[in-house]
Amino acid sequence: MLEGGFDLRFTSAGVRHREIACPQGTVFTEPPGEKHANRVFEDGARVVVLQPDLEDDRFEPVAGLLSRHINHFRHGRIEANARRIAREIRQPDSLSPVALEALALEMMVEAARLEPPPTAADAVSPWFRRAEAFVHENFRRAPRITDVAEVAGVHPAHLAAVFRDVYGVPLGTYLRRLRVEWVADRLVETDDPIGRLAYRAGFADQPHLTRAFKKATGWTPAAYRRARREGG
């Protein structure tokens, strides 16, 4: 629940919690097909809803969380990821599908707590090094987290959690960082037009590059090029 809230009323027989208050910050799950009704608060409600296909093998580790029980709790990291998903939807770019998938998987991992916590050994393990190498070789082509996980030989949800633990950011954010760094080098080393660099880096267009570049560096690409060449 991002803003506002509602009372969640379950109408199925035998449900333990027949009515649950869901104010801002609440995380809740329910099995597919569970009958319910919402009594929205006066100031409305704004939510992020995930509806994974439980027949997809990727969700096997969280099947218990999603298919058998109603859950209701607060979790700061899940709420933060939900807000990131909302921002990705409002301002999408070519990397948004990767970011959305990674954020959603991480939310489900946090909720289910079925994956073991990432350890220092994960960061130096052969599978993680394979994943890193693949990301660094393919970041301009926006690989999906399932592609990276397949190369690494681990579950996508585990990869998302470990990657966030090692680098401190989701995979989609890290991919954007690599793209910005690639463009920054070429702004100084070449005279290529900024629009062409945006295309070669994998951004949808120059405005997408400009937004990402300014967010990461505080400079527009043009200002960065000018400052670096003037010794700034």
Protein backbone atom coordinates (compact mmCIF):
# COMPACT_ATOMS: atom_id res chain seq x y z
CA MET A 1 0.00 0.00 0.00
CA LEU A 2 1.73 3.16 -1.23
CA GLU A 3 -0.80 5.78 -0.20
CA GLY A 4 -4.12 5.85 1.61
CA GLY A 5 -5.52 2.44 2.43
CA PHE A 6 -8.54 0.20 2.79
CA ASP A 7 -10.07 -2.44 5.01
CA LEU A 8 -9.61 -5.81 3.32
CA ARG A 9 -12.67 -7.99 3.90
CA PHE A 10 -12.53 -11.71 3.13
CA THR A 11 -15.82 -13.40 2.32
CA SER A 12 -14.64 -17.01 2.02
CA ALA A 13 -15.69 -19.40 4.76
CA GLY A 14 -12.97 -20.42 7.17
CA VAL A 15 -10.67 -17.44 6.62
CA ARG A 16 -8.98 -16.68 9.92
CA HIS A 17 -8.82 -12.90 9.50
CA ARG A 18 -12.18 -11.78 8.07
CA GLU A 19 -11.25 -8.07 7.98
CA ILE A 20 -7.77 -6.54 7.90
CA ALA A 21 -6.89 -2.83 8.02
CA CYS A 22 -4.34 -2.00 5.31
CA PRO A 23 -2.98 1.53 5.80
CA GLN A 24 0.04 2.98 4.00
CA GLY A 25 3.07 0.68 4.17
CA THR A 26 1.08 -2.53 4.56
CA VAL A 27 2.18 -5.66 2.67
CA PHE A 28 -0.46 -8.34 2.16
CA THR A 29 -0.74 -11.57 0.19
CA GLU A 30 -3.65 -13.82 -0.58
CA PRO A 31 -4.08 -17.11 -2.47
CA PRO A 32 -5.33 -16.97 -6.08
CA GLY A 33 -9.11 -16.86 -6.26
CA GLU A 34 -9.58 -15.79 -2.65
CA LYS A 35 -12.88 -13.89 -2.41
CA HIS A 36 -12.58 -10.47 -0.83
CA ALA A 37 -13.89 -6.91 -0.89
CA ASN A 38 -12.17 -3.59 -0.17
CA ARG A 39 -13.62 -0.72 1.86
CA VAL A 40 -11.43 2.16 0.69
CA PHE A 41 -10.45 4.92 3.14
CA GLU A 42 -11.73 8.46 2.53
CA ASP A 43 -8.40 9.59 1.01
CA GLY A 44 -8.39 6.70 -1.48
CA ALA A 45 -5.82 3.96 -1.98
CA ARG A 46 -2.82 3.51 -4.25
CA VAL A 47 -1.25 0.06 -4.39
CA VAL A 48 1.30 -2.00 -6.28
CA VAL A 49 -0.16 -5.42 -7.12
CA LEU A 50 1.94 -8.44 -8.13
CA GLN A 51 0.14 -11.40 -9.71
CA PRO A 52 2.77 -14.06 -10.50
CA ASP A 53 1.87 -17.15 -12.50
CA LEU A 54 2.31 -19.95 -9.98
CA GLU A 55 2.79 -22.45 -12.82
CA ASP A 56 6.03 -20.66 -13.68
CA ASP A 57 8.95 -22.63 -12.23
CA ARG A 58 10.63 -19.41 -11.10
CA PHE A 59 8.05 -19.01 -8.35
CA GLU A 60 8.31 -22.52 -6.92
CA PRO A 61 10.32 -21.37 -3.85
CA VAL A 62 7.59 -18.89 -2.89
CA ALA A 63 4.60 -21.07 -3.78
CA GLY A 64 3.74 -21.61 -0.11
CA LEU A 65 3.60 -17.88 0.56
CA LEU A 66 1.45 -17.16 -2.47
CA SER A 67 -0.87 -20.15 -2.71
CA ARG A 68 -1.87 -21.27 0.80
CA HIS A 69 -2.07 -18.37 3.24
CA ILE A 70 -3.26 -14.81 3.77
CA ASN A 71 -0.36 -12.73 5.07
CA HIS A 72 -0.42 -9.19 6.47
CA PHE A 73 2.64 -7.33 7.74
CA ARG A 74 4.94 -4.35 7.33
CA HIS A 75 8.37 -4.49 5.74
CA GLY A 76 10.41 -1.41 4.91
CA ARG A 77 12.45 -2.95 2.12
CA ILE A 78 9.41 -4.42 0.37
CA GLU A 79 7.64 -1.06 0.61
CA ALA A 80 10.71 0.68 -0.85
CA ASN A 81 10.80 -1.76 -3.76
CA ALA A 82 7.09 -1.22 -4.40
CA ARG A 83 7.74 2.51 -4.68
CA ARG A 84 10.58 1.83 -7.12
CA ILE A 85 8.21 -0.28 -9.21
CA ALA A 86 5.72 2.60 -9.28
CA ARG A 87 8.48 4.96 -10.46
CA GLU A 88 9.57 2.51 -13.17
CA ILE A 89 5.99 2.33 -14.44
CA ARG A 90 5.63 6.13 -14.46
CA GLN A 91 8.97 6.71 -16.24
CA PRO A 92 9.77 3.55 -18.23
CA ASP A 93 12.80 3.02 -20.41
CA SER A 94 14.34 0.05 -22.21
CA LEU A 95 15.70 -1.35 -18.93
CA SER A 96 12.39 -1.11 -17.05
CA PRO A 97 11.37 -4.75 -17.76
CA VAL A 98 14.64 -5.91 -16.16
CA ALA A 99 14.23 -3.58 -13.20
CA LEU A 100 10.57 -4.51 -12.65
CA GLU A 101 11.28 -8.23 -12.74
CA ALA A 102 14.23 -7.91 -10.36
CA LEU A 103 12.32 -5.74 -7.90
CA ALA A 104 9.28 -8.04 -7.92
CA LEU A 105 11.37 -11.15 -7.38
CA GLU A 106 13.23 -9.51 -4.54
CA MET A 107 9.96 -8.50 -2.87
CA MET A 108 8.72 -12.08 -2.97
CA VAL A 109 12.02 -13.40 -1.65
CA GLU A 110 11.90 -10.95 1.26
CA ALA A 111 8.32 -11.97 2.04
CA ALA A 112 8.77 -15.72 1.74
CA ARG A 113 12.18 -15.91 3.47
CA LEU A 114 12.73 -19.24 1.75
CA GLU A 115 16.06 -18.41 0.20
CA PRO A 116 19.07 -18.53 2.53
CA PRO A 117 20.53 -15.08 3.28
CA PRO A 118 23.33 -14.04 0.92
CA THR A 119 26.80 -14.66 2.31
CA ALA A 120 30.29 -13.41 1.54
CA ALA A 121 30.91 -16.72 -0.22
CA ASP A 122 28.24 -15.86 -2.80
CA ALA A 123 30.22 -12.82 -3.94
CA VAL A 124 33.27 -14.89 -4.89
CA SER A 125 31.53 -18.09 -5.97
CA PRO A 126 31.96 -19.26 -9.59
CA TRP A 127 28.26 -18.81 -10.37
CA PHE A 128 28.29 -15.18 -9.26
CA ARG A 129 31.45 -14.46 -11.25
CA ARG A 130 29.75 -15.93 -14.33
CA ALA A 131 26.77 -13.66 -13.72
CA GLU A 132 29.00 -10.60 -13.31
CA ALA A 133 30.91 -11.35 -16.50
CA PHE A 134 27.70 -11.84 -18.47
CA VAL A 135 26.25 -8.56 -17.17
CA HIS A 136 29.41 -6.62 -18.03
CA GLU A 137 29.55 -8.11 -21.51
CA ASN A 138 25.86 -7.54 -22.30
CA PHE A 139 24.70 -4.49 -20.34
CA ARG A 140 23.97 -2.48 -23.50
CA ARG A 141 21.51 -5.16 -24.64
CA ALA A 142 19.41 -5.15 -21.45
CA PRO A 143 19.64 -8.82 -20.44
CA ARG A 144 16.69 -10.10 -18.41
CA ILE A 145 17.34 -11.44 -14.94
CA THR A 146 16.27 -14.88 -16.16
CA ASP A 147 19.00 -14.73 -18.82
CA VAL A 148 21.63 -13.88 -16.21
CA ALA A 149 20.36 -16.56 -13.84
CA GLU A 150 20.48 -19.17 -16.60
CA VAL A 151 24.13 -18.35 -17.29
CA ALA A 152 24.90 -18.47 -13.57
CA GLY A 153 22.95 -21.68 -12.99
CA VAL A 154 20.92 -20.36 -10.02
CA HIS A 155 17.31 -19.39 -9.37
CA PRO A 156 16.43 -15.85 -10.56
CA ALA A 157 15.09 -14.93 -7.13
CA HIS A 158 18.34 -15.98 -5.45
CA LEU A 159 20.37 -14.07 -8.05
CA ALA A 160 18.30 -10.91 -7.46
CA ALA A 161 18.80 -11.10 -3.69
CA VAL A 162 22.53 -11.83 -3.85
CA PHE A 163 23.15 -9.18 -6.51
CA ARG A 164 21.40 -6.57 -4.36
CA ASP A 165 23.38 -7.67 -1.30
CA VAL A 166 26.75 -7.51 -3.10
CA TYR A 167 26.25 -4.26 -5.04
CA GLY A 168 23.72 -2.49 -2.84
CA VAL A 169 21.34 -1.87 -5.78
CA PRO A 170 18.96 -3.99 -7.90
CA LEU A 171 20.24 -5.46 -11.16
CA GLY A 172 18.33 -2.93 -13.30
CA THR A 173 19.94 -0.01 -11.44
CA TYR A 174 23.38 -1.56 -11.85
CA LEU A 175 22.82 -2.00 -15.60
CA ARG A 176 21.93 1.69 -15.93
CA ARG A 177 25.07 2.58 -13.99
CA LEU A 178 27.21 0.59 -16.43
CA ARG A 179 25.53 2.30 -19.37
CA VAL A 180 26.11 5.75 -17.90
CA GLU A 181 29.77 4.94 -17.22
CA TRP A 182 30.17 3.69 -20.80
CA VAL A 183 28.70 6.93 -22.17
CA ALA A 184 30.78 9.08 -19.80
CA ASP A 185 34.01 7.57 -21.11
CA ARG A 186 33.02 8.19 -24.72
CA LEU A 187 31.88 11.73 -24.09
CA VAL A 188 35.47 12.54 -23.21
CA GLU A 189 37.29 10.22 -25.62
CA THR A 190 35.22 10.76 -28.79
CA ASP A 191 33.31 13.44 -30.68
CA ASP A 192 30.32 11.15 -31.29
CA PRO A 193 26.95 12.94 -31.10
CA ILE A 194 25.15 12.41 -27.81
CA GLY A 195 22.13 10.94 -29.59
CA ARG A 196 24.32 8.31 -31.23
CA LEU A 197 25.93 7.44 -27.88
CA ALA A 198 22.47 7.08 -26.34
CA TYR A 199 21.50 4.61 -29.06
CA ARG A 200 24.77 2.65 -28.82
CA ALA A 201 24.49 2.46 -25.02
CA GLY A 202 20.99 0.98 -25.27
CA PHE A 203 18.91 3.95 -24.14
CA ALA A 204 15.60 4.49 -25.91
CA ASP A 205 16.61 7.99 -27.01
CA GLN A 206 18.70 10.99 -25.99
CA PRO A 207 16.21 12.32 -23.39
CA HIS A 208 16.28 8.94 -21.59
CA LEU A 209 20.08 9.11 -21.52
CA THR A 210 20.04 12.70 -20.29
CA ARG A 211 17.71 11.86 -17.38
CA ALA A 212 19.71 8.81 -16.34
CA PHE A 213 23.05 10.59 -16.76
CA LYS A 214 22.00 13.64 -14.74
CA LYS A 215 20.55 11.48 -11.99
CA ALA A 216 23.79 9.51 -11.73
CA THR A 217 26.33 12.33 -12.12
CA GLY A 218 24.53 15.61 -11.52
CA TRP A 219 25.49 16.72 -15.06
CA THR A 220 23.78 16.59 -18.41
CA PRO A 221 25.90 14.71 -20.99
CA ALA A 222 26.68 17.94 -22.85
CA ALA A 223 27.74 19.76 -19.69
CA TYR A 224 29.83 16.78 -18.58
CA ARG A 225 31.66 16.65 -21.92
CA ARG A 226 32.33 20.38 -21.84
CA ALA A 227 33.54 20.39 -18.23
CA ARG A 228 35.85 17.41 -18.66
CA ARG A 229 37.42 18.81 -21.78
CA GLU A 230 37.96 22.16 -20.10
CA GLY A 231 39.59 20.40 -17.16
CA GLY A 232 36.64 20.80 -14.81
